[in-house]
């Protein structure tokens, strides 16, 4: 069972988040792509409520969905530009946006830092993709234990699992993290894994 959401766990020092819209000519295609993918995944029943987060690497950092945003109906204000994050102290260093970035910002930061081939990340709390049994059936790596959302421990665990160029990992009892070179490829992987998991569950 996924842990109840109680806000972000990373630190936001004064001045770290500049409250301004990031919908610029440069960012427009990225924001539109994330909004489109969020809606598509929600319509397929893969993203319950206000869970899940999506990001794309851009020059200087990455754009990520805001904390507690609804992926089915993202507005331009729900996208945040993250420039810098201090993993050691779990602190946001520099970001721009009208809301706080996703509680899983440490996870996205760690994966982009360790995987230069990754340009898109999707993390969803798909109920079909959280158990050891499903991980075994789909031959997917899974964390050894259930981990809290938004922590550096979770980010480290997933980063370690995906260090060998893997493209998906299950956080036990929580959800799945999928990475890819493009957001379209990333979404396709999420959808494919969801379909396979649902099919496997029906056969039990």
C-alpha atoms as a PDB file:
ATOM      1  CA  UNK A   1       0.000   0.000   0.000  1.00  0.00           C
ATOM      2  CA  UNK A   2       1.450   3.368  -1.010  1.00  0.00           C
ATOM      3  CA  UNK A   3       2.240   5.739   1.838  1.00  0.00           C
ATOM      4  CA  UNK A   4      -0.207   8.597   2.449  1.00  0.00           C
ATOM      5  CA  UNK A   5       0.992  11.893   1.001  1.00  0.00           C
ATOM      6  CA  UNK A   6       2.029  14.544   3.524  1.00  0.00           C
ATOM      7  CA  UNK A   7       3.816  17.063   1.313  1.00  0.00           C
ATOM      8  CA  UNK A   8       7.385  17.258   0.054  1.00  0.00           C
ATOM      9  CA  UNK A   9      10.190  15.903   2.228  1.00  0.00           C
ATOM     10  CA  UNK A  10      13.070  17.773   0.624  1.00  0.00           C
ATOM     11  CA  UNK A  11      14.143  21.131   2.035  1.00  0.00           C
ATOM     12  CA  UNK A  12      13.310  24.395   0.257  1.00  0.00           C
ATOM     13  CA  UNK A  13      15.686  27.074   1.593  1.00  0.00           C
ATOM     14  CA  UNK A  14      14.594  30.684   1.310  1.00  0.00           C
ATOM     15  CA  UNK A  15      15.188  31.950  -2.214  1.00  0.00           C
ATOM     16  CA  UNK A  16      15.565  28.488  -3.764  1.00  0.00           C
ATOM     17  CA  UNK A  17      12.235  28.653  -5.610  1.00  0.00           C
ATOM     18  CA  UNK A  18      11.625  31.698  -7.784  1.00  0.00           C
ATOM     19  CA  UNK A  19       7.873  32.109  -8.187  1.00  0.00           C
ATOM     20  CA  UNK A  20       7.472  32.716 -11.917  1.00  0.00           C
ATOM     21  CA  UNK A  21       5.810  30.982 -14.845  1.00  0.00           C
ATOM     22  CA  UNK A  22       8.130  28.941 -17.058  1.00  0.00           C
ATOM     23  CA  UNK A  23       5.919  28.828 -20.164  1.00  0.00           C
ATOM     24  CA  UNK A  24       8.418  30.278 -22.640  1.00  0.00           C
ATOM     25  CA  UNK A  25       8.936  29.687 -26.349  1.00  0.00           C
ATOM     26  CA  UNK A  26      11.792  27.325 -25.508  1.00  0.00           C
ATOM     27  CA  UNK A  27       9.858  25.353 -22.893  1.00  0.00           C
ATOM     28  CA  UNK A  28       6.518  25.272 -24.724  1.00  0.00           C
ATOM     29  CA  UNK A  29       7.072  21.952 -26.598  1.00  0.00           C
ATOM     30  CA  UNK A  30       8.258  20.209 -23.429  1.00  0.00           C
ATOM     31  CA  UNK A  31       5.336  21.455 -21.351  1.00  0.00           C
ATOM     32  CA  UNK A  32       2.842  20.445 -24.030  1.00  0.00           C
ATOM     33  CA  UNK A  33       4.394  16.983 -24.313  1.00  0.00           C
ATOM     34  CA  UNK A  34       4.233  16.378 -20.551  1.00  0.00           C
ATOM     35  CA  UNK A  35       0.613  17.569 -20.382  1.00  0.00           C
ATOM     36  CA  UNK A  36      -0.346  15.275 -23.267  1.00  0.00           C
ATOM     37  CA  UNK A  37       1.347  12.220 -21.740  1.00  0.00           C
ATOM     38  CA  UNK A  38      -0.173  12.917 -18.323  1.00  0.00           C
ATOM     39  CA  UNK A  39      -3.672  13.039 -19.754  1.00  0.00           C
ATOM     40  CA  UNK A  40      -3.146   9.896 -21.824  1.00  0.00           C
ATOM     41  CA  UNK A  41      -1.846   7.851 -18.883  1.00  0.00           C
ATOM     42  CA  UNK A  42      -4.707   9.056 -16.686  1.00  0.00           C
ATOM     43  CA  UNK A  43      -7.332   8.144 -19.275  1.00  0.00           C
ATOM     44  CA  UNK A  44      -5.863   4.640 -19.383  1.00  0.00           C
ATOM     45  CA  UNK A  45      -6.323   4.266 -15.626  1.00  0.00           C
ATOM     46  CA  UNK A  46      -2.597   4.131 -14.932  1.00  0.00           C
ATOM     47  CA  UNK A  47      -2.444   7.243 -12.720  1.00  0.00           C
ATOM     48  CA  UNK A  48      -4.857   7.297  -9.752  1.00  0.00           C
ATOM     49  CA  UNK A  49      -5.867  10.743  -8.445  1.00  0.00           C
ATOM     50  CA  UNK A  50      -3.058  13.210  -7.828  1.00  0.00           C
ATOM     51  CA  UNK A  51      -0.328  10.577  -7.794  1.00  0.00           C
ATOM     52  CA  UNK A  52       2.587  10.198 -10.181  1.00  0.00           C
ATOM     53  CA  UNK A  53       5.122  12.550 -11.715  1.00  0.00           C
ATOM     54  CA  UNK A  54       6.675  13.194 -15.104  1.00  0.00           C
ATOM     55  CA  UNK A  55       9.838  15.021 -16.102  1.00  0.00           C
ATOM     56  CA  UNK A  56      11.955  15.802 -19.149  1.00  0.00           C
ATOM     57  CA  UNK A  57      15.580  16.844 -19.293  1.00  0.00           C
ATOM     58  CA  UNK A  58      16.199  20.278 -20.826  1.00  0.00           C
ATOM     59  CA  UNK A  59      19.336  22.428 -21.132  1.00  0.00           C
ATOM     60  CA  UNK A  60      20.346  23.468 -17.630  1.00  0.00           C
ATOM     61  CA  UNK A  61      18.191  21.002 -15.711  1.00  0.00           C
ATOM     62  CA  UNK A  62      14.785  19.373 -16.073  1.00  0.00           C
ATOM     63  CA  UNK A  63      11.103  20.290 -16.156  1.00  0.00           C
ATOM     64  CA  UNK A  64       8.926  18.303 -13.749  1.00  0.00           C
ATOM     65  CA  UNK A  65       5.300  18.228 -12.674  1.00  0.00           C
ATOM     66  CA  UNK A  66       4.416  20.089  -9.477  1.00  0.00           C
ATOM     67  CA  UNK A  67       3.801  18.288  -6.218  1.00  0.00           C
ATOM     68  CA  UNK A  68       0.223  16.992  -5.793  1.00  0.00           C
ATOM     69  CA  UNK A  69      -0.685  17.950  -9.359  1.00  0.00           C
ATOM     70  CA  UNK A  70      -3.310  15.956 -11.250  1.00  0.00           C
ATOM     71  CA  UNK A  71      -1.688  14.442 -14.337  1.00  0.00           C
ATOM     72  CA  UNK A  72      -5.070  14.182 -16.045  1.00  0.00           C
ATOM     73  CA  UNK A  73      -5.511  17.949 -16.201  1.00  0.00           C
ATOM     74  CA  UNK A  74      -2.131  19.644 -15.932  1.00  0.00           C
ATOM     75  CA  UNK A  75      -2.026  23.399 -16.426  1.00  0.00           C
ATOM     76  CA  UNK A  76       1.035  25.379 -17.493  1.00  0.00           C
ATOM     77  CA  UNK A  77       1.420  26.396 -13.839  1.00  0.00           C
ATOM     78  CA  UNK A  78       1.853  22.730 -12.874  1.00  0.00           C
ATOM     79  CA  UNK A  79       5.263  22.510 -14.551  1.00  0.00           C
ATOM     80  CA  UNK A  80       8.423  23.509 -12.689  1.00  0.00           C
ATOM     81  CA  UNK A  81      11.976  24.078 -13.939  1.00  0.00           C
ATOM     82  CA  UNK A  82      14.592  22.544 -11.632  1.00  0.00           C
ATOM     83  CA  UNK A  83      18.116  23.846 -12.159  1.00  0.00           C
ATOM     84  CA  UNK A  84      19.960  22.562  -9.118  1.00  0.00           C
ATOM     85  CA  UNK A  85      19.404  20.169  -6.235  1.00  0.00           C
ATOM     86  CA  UNK A  86      21.735  19.158  -3.399  1.00  0.00           C
ATOM     87  CA  UNK A  87      21.303  15.429  -2.954  1.00  0.00           C
ATOM     88  CA  UNK A  88      23.479  15.249   0.159  1.00  0.00           C
ATOM     89  CA  UNK A  89      21.226  17.540   2.180  1.00  0.00           C
ATOM     90  CA  UNK A  90      18.052  16.695   0.222  1.00  0.00           C
ATOM     91  CA  UNK A  91      17.601  20.379  -0.578  1.00  0.00           C
ATOM     92  CA  UNK A  92      16.234  22.257  -3.549  1.00  0.00           C
ATOM     93  CA  UNK A  93      18.902  24.774  -4.569  1.00  0.00           C
ATOM     94  CA  UNK A  94      17.411  26.544  -7.564  1.00  0.00           C
ATOM     95  CA  UNK A  95      14.087  26.209  -9.349  1.00  0.00           C
ATOM     96  CA  UNK A  96      11.512  28.343 -11.125  1.00  0.00           C
ATOM     97  CA  UNK A  97       7.763  27.870 -11.091  1.00  0.00           C
ATOM     98  CA  UNK A  98       4.534  28.845  -9.389  1.00  0.00           C
ATOM     99  CA  UNK A  99       4.418  25.699  -7.218  1.00  0.00           C
ATOM    100  CA  UNK A 100       6.867  23.340  -5.541  1.00  0.00           C
ATOM    101  CA  UNK A 101       8.290  20.632  -7.810  1.00  0.00           C
ATOM    102  CA  UNK A 102       7.199  17.026  -7.290  1.00  0.00           C
ATOM    103  CA  UNK A 103       7.967  15.356  -3.976  1.00  0.00           C
ATOM    104  CA  UNK A 104       9.987  12.859  -6.030  1.00  0.00           C
ATOM    105  CA  UNK A 105      12.360  15.556  -7.309  1.00  0.00           C
ATOM    106  CA  UNK A 106      15.303  13.843  -5.519  1.00  0.00           C
ATOM    107  CA  UNK A 107      14.595  10.666  -7.510  1.00  0.00           C
ATOM    108  CA  UNK A 108      14.469  12.463 -10.847  1.00  0.00           C
ATOM    109  CA  UNK A 109      17.597  14.469 -10.012  1.00  0.00           C
ATOM    110  CA  UNK A 110      19.563  11.343  -9.076  1.00  0.00           C
ATOM    111  CA  UNK A 111      18.525   9.450 -12.212  1.00  0.00           C
ATOM    112  CA  UNK A 112      19.405  12.311 -14.562  1.00  0.00           C
ATOM    113  CA  UNK A 113      22.762  12.733 -12.804  1.00  0.00           C
ATOM    114  CA  UNK A 114      23.634   9.046 -13.061  1.00  0.00           C
ATOM    115  CA  UNK A 115      22.154   8.256 -16.478  1.00  0.00           C
ATOM    116  CA  UNK A 116      23.255  10.671 -19.182  1.00  0.00           C
ATOM    117  CA  UNK A 117      21.298   8.629 -21.751  1.00  0.00           C
ATOM    118  CA  UNK A 118      18.004   9.314 -19.962  1.00  0.00           C
ATOM    119  CA  UNK A 119      15.986  12.344 -21.074  1.00  0.00           C
ATOM    120  CA  UNK A 120      12.549  11.432 -19.711  1.00  0.00           C
ATOM    121  CA  UNK A 121      11.254   9.865 -16.491  1.00  0.00           C
ATOM    122  CA  UNK A 122       7.750   8.725 -15.541  1.00  0.00           C
ATOM    123  CA  UNK A 123       6.860   7.520 -12.051  1.00  0.00           C
ATOM    124  CA  UNK A 124       3.322   6.238 -11.499  1.00  0.00           C
ATOM    125  CA  UNK A 125       1.501   4.531  -8.629  1.00  0.00           C
ATOM    126  CA  UNK A 126      -0.110   1.931 -10.869  1.00  0.00           C
ATOM    127  CA  UNK A 127      -1.768  -0.614  -8.514  1.00  0.00           C
ATOM    128  CA  UNK A 128      -0.989  -3.334 -11.057  1.00  0.00           C
ATOM    129  CA  UNK A 129       2.747  -2.683 -10.825  1.00  0.00           C
ATOM    130  CA  UNK A 130       3.737  -2.752  -7.156  1.00  0.00           C
ATOM    131  CA  UNK A 131       4.132  -6.388  -6.080  1.00  0.00           C
ATOM    132  CA  UNK A 132       6.976  -8.910  -6.061  1.00  0.00           C
ATOM    133  CA  UNK A 133       4.770 -11.406  -7.886  1.00  0.00           C
ATOM    134  CA  UNK A 134       4.223  -9.010 -10.804  1.00  0.00           C
ATOM    135  CA  UNK A 135       7.908  -8.073 -10.822  1.00  0.00           C
ATOM    136  CA  UNK A 136       8.763 -11.755 -11.128  1.00  0.00           C
ATOM    137  CA  UNK A 137       6.226 -12.397 -13.888  1.00  0.00           C
ATOM    138  CA  UNK A 138       7.354  -9.393 -15.938  1.00  0.00           C
ATOM    139  CA  UNK A 139      11.029  -9.961 -15.082  1.00  0.00           C
ATOM    140  CA  UNK A 140      11.339  -6.470 -13.620  1.00  0.00           C
ATOM    141  CA  UNK A 141      13.747  -5.467 -10.849  1.00  0.00           C
ATOM    142  CA  UNK A 142      12.120  -4.463  -7.563  1.00  0.00           C
ATOM    143  CA  UNK A 143      13.455  -2.806  -4.420  1.00  0.00           C
ATOM    144  CA  UNK A 144      14.217  -5.154  -1.529  1.00  0.00           C
ATOM    145  CA  UNK A 145      11.779  -3.374   0.770  1.00  0.00           C
ATOM    146  CA  UNK A 146       9.000  -0.803   0.732  1.00  0.00           C
ATOM    147  CA  UNK A 147      10.434   2.714   0.700  1.00  0.00           C
ATOM    148  CA  UNK A 148       9.012   6.102   1.637  1.00  0.00           C
ATOM    149  CA  UNK A 149       8.226   8.560  -1.139  1.00  0.00           C
ATOM    150  CA  UNK A 150      10.436  11.586  -1.688  1.00  0.00           C
ATOM    151  CA  UNK A 151      13.535  10.384   0.159  1.00  0.00           C
ATOM    152  CA  UNK A 152      17.153  10.135  -0.941  1.00  0.00           C
ATOM    153  CA  UNK A 153      17.086   6.496   0.201  1.00  0.00           C
ATOM    154  CA  UNK A 154      14.423   5.734  -2.398  1.00  0.00           C
ATOM    155  CA  UNK A 155      16.307   7.683  -5.050  1.00  0.00           C
ATOM    156  CA  UNK A 156      19.532   5.795  -4.266  1.00  0.00           C
ATOM    157  CA  UNK A 157      17.794   2.419  -4.391  1.00  0.00           C
ATOM    158  CA  UNK A 158      16.170   3.045  -7.775  1.00  0.00           C
ATOM    159  CA  UNK A 159      19.321   4.618  -9.198  1.00  0.00           C
ATOM    160  CA  UNK A 160      21.345   1.572  -8.170  1.00  0.00           C
ATOM    161  CA  UNK A 161      18.848  -0.800  -9.768  1.00  0.00           C
ATOM    162  CA  UNK A 162      18.840   1.163 -13.035  1.00  0.00           C
ATOM    163  CA  UNK A 163      22.597   1.797 -13.105  1.00  0.00           C
ATOM    164  CA  UNK A 164      23.190  -1.000 -15.624  1.00  0.00           C
ATOM    165  CA  UNK A 165      21.086   0.700 -18.322  1.00  0.00           C
ATOM    166  CA  UNK A 166      17.790  -0.832 -17.225  1.00  0.00           C
ATOM    167  CA  UNK A 167      14.655   1.098 -18.149  1.00  0.00           C
ATOM    168  CA  UNK A 168      12.136   0.213 -15.425  1.00  0.00           C
ATOM    169  CA  UNK A 169      12.106  -0.597 -11.720  1.00  0.00           C
ATOM    170  CA  UNK A 170       9.326  -1.272  -9.229  1.00  0.00           C
ATOM    171  CA  UNK A 171       9.410   0.400  -5.828  1.00  0.00           C
ATOM    172  CA  UNK A 172       7.863  -2.332  -3.698  1.00  0.00           C
ATOM    173  CA  UNK A 173       4.347  -1.456  -2.560  1.00  0.00           C
ATOM    174  CA  UNK A 174       4.626   1.999  -4.084  1.00  0.00           C
ATOM    175  CA  UNK A 175       4.821   2.195  -7.873  1.00  0.00           C
ATOM    176  CA  UNK A 176       7.044   1.976 -10.911  1.00  0.00           C
ATOM    177  CA  UNK A 177       9.760   4.214 -12.341  1.00  0.00           C
ATOM    178  CA  UNK A 178      10.391   4.150 -16.085  1.00  0.00           C
ATOM    179  CA  UNK A 179      13.172   5.964 -17.946  1.00  0.00           C
ATOM    180  CA  UNK A 180      13.858   6.507 -21.641  1.00  0.00           C
ATOM    181  CA  UNK A 181      15.573   8.720 -24.178  1.00  0.00           C
ATOM    182  CA  UNK A 182      12.295  10.405 -25.182  1.00  0.00           C
ATOM    183  CA  UNK A 183       9.030  11.087 -23.371  1.00  0.00           C
ATOM    184  CA  UNK A 184       7.086   9.172 -26.032  1.00  0.00           C
ATOM    185  CA  UNK A 185       9.271   6.094 -25.603  1.00  0.00           C
ATOM    186  CA  UNK A 186       8.941   6.397 -21.838  1.00  0.00           C
ATOM    187  CA  UNK A 187       5.138   6.572 -22.000  1.00  0.00           C
ATOM    188  CA  UNK A 188       4.990   3.610 -24.390  1.00  0.00           C
ATOM    189  CA  UNK A 189       6.989   1.533 -21.903  1.00  0.00           C
ATOM    190  CA  UNK A 190       4.667   2.483 -19.051  1.00  0.00           C
ATOM    191  CA  UNK A 191       1.589   1.572 -21.094  1.00  0.00           C
ATOM    192  CA  UNK A 192       3.091  -1.733 -22.244  1.00  0.00           C
ATOM    193  CA  UNK A 193       4.070  -2.728 -18.707  1.00  0.00           C
ATOM    194  CA  UNK A 194       0.613  -1.786 -17.426  1.00  0.00           C
ATOM    195  CA  UNK A 195      -1.069  -3.956 -20.061  1.00  0.00           C
ATOM    196  CA  UNK A 196       1.204  -6.907 -19.322  1.00  0.00           C
ATOM    197  CA  UNK A 197       0.641  -6.548 -15.575  1.00  0.00           C
ATOM    198  CA  UNK A 198      -3.146  -6.395 -15.935  1.00  0.00           C
ATOM    199  CA  UNK A 199      -3.059  -9.447 -18.204  1.00  0.00           C
ATOM    200  CA  UNK A 200      -0.903 -11.356 -15.710  1.00  0.00           C
ATOM    201  CA  UNK A 201      -3.232 -10.475 -12.835  1.00  0.00           C
ATOM    202  CA  UNK A 202      -6.248 -11.752 -14.772  1.00  0.00           C
ATOM    203  CA  UNK A 203      -4.506 -15.099 -15.275  1.00  0.00           C
ATOM    204  CA  UNK A 204      -3.941 -15.642 -11.551  1.00  0.00           C
END
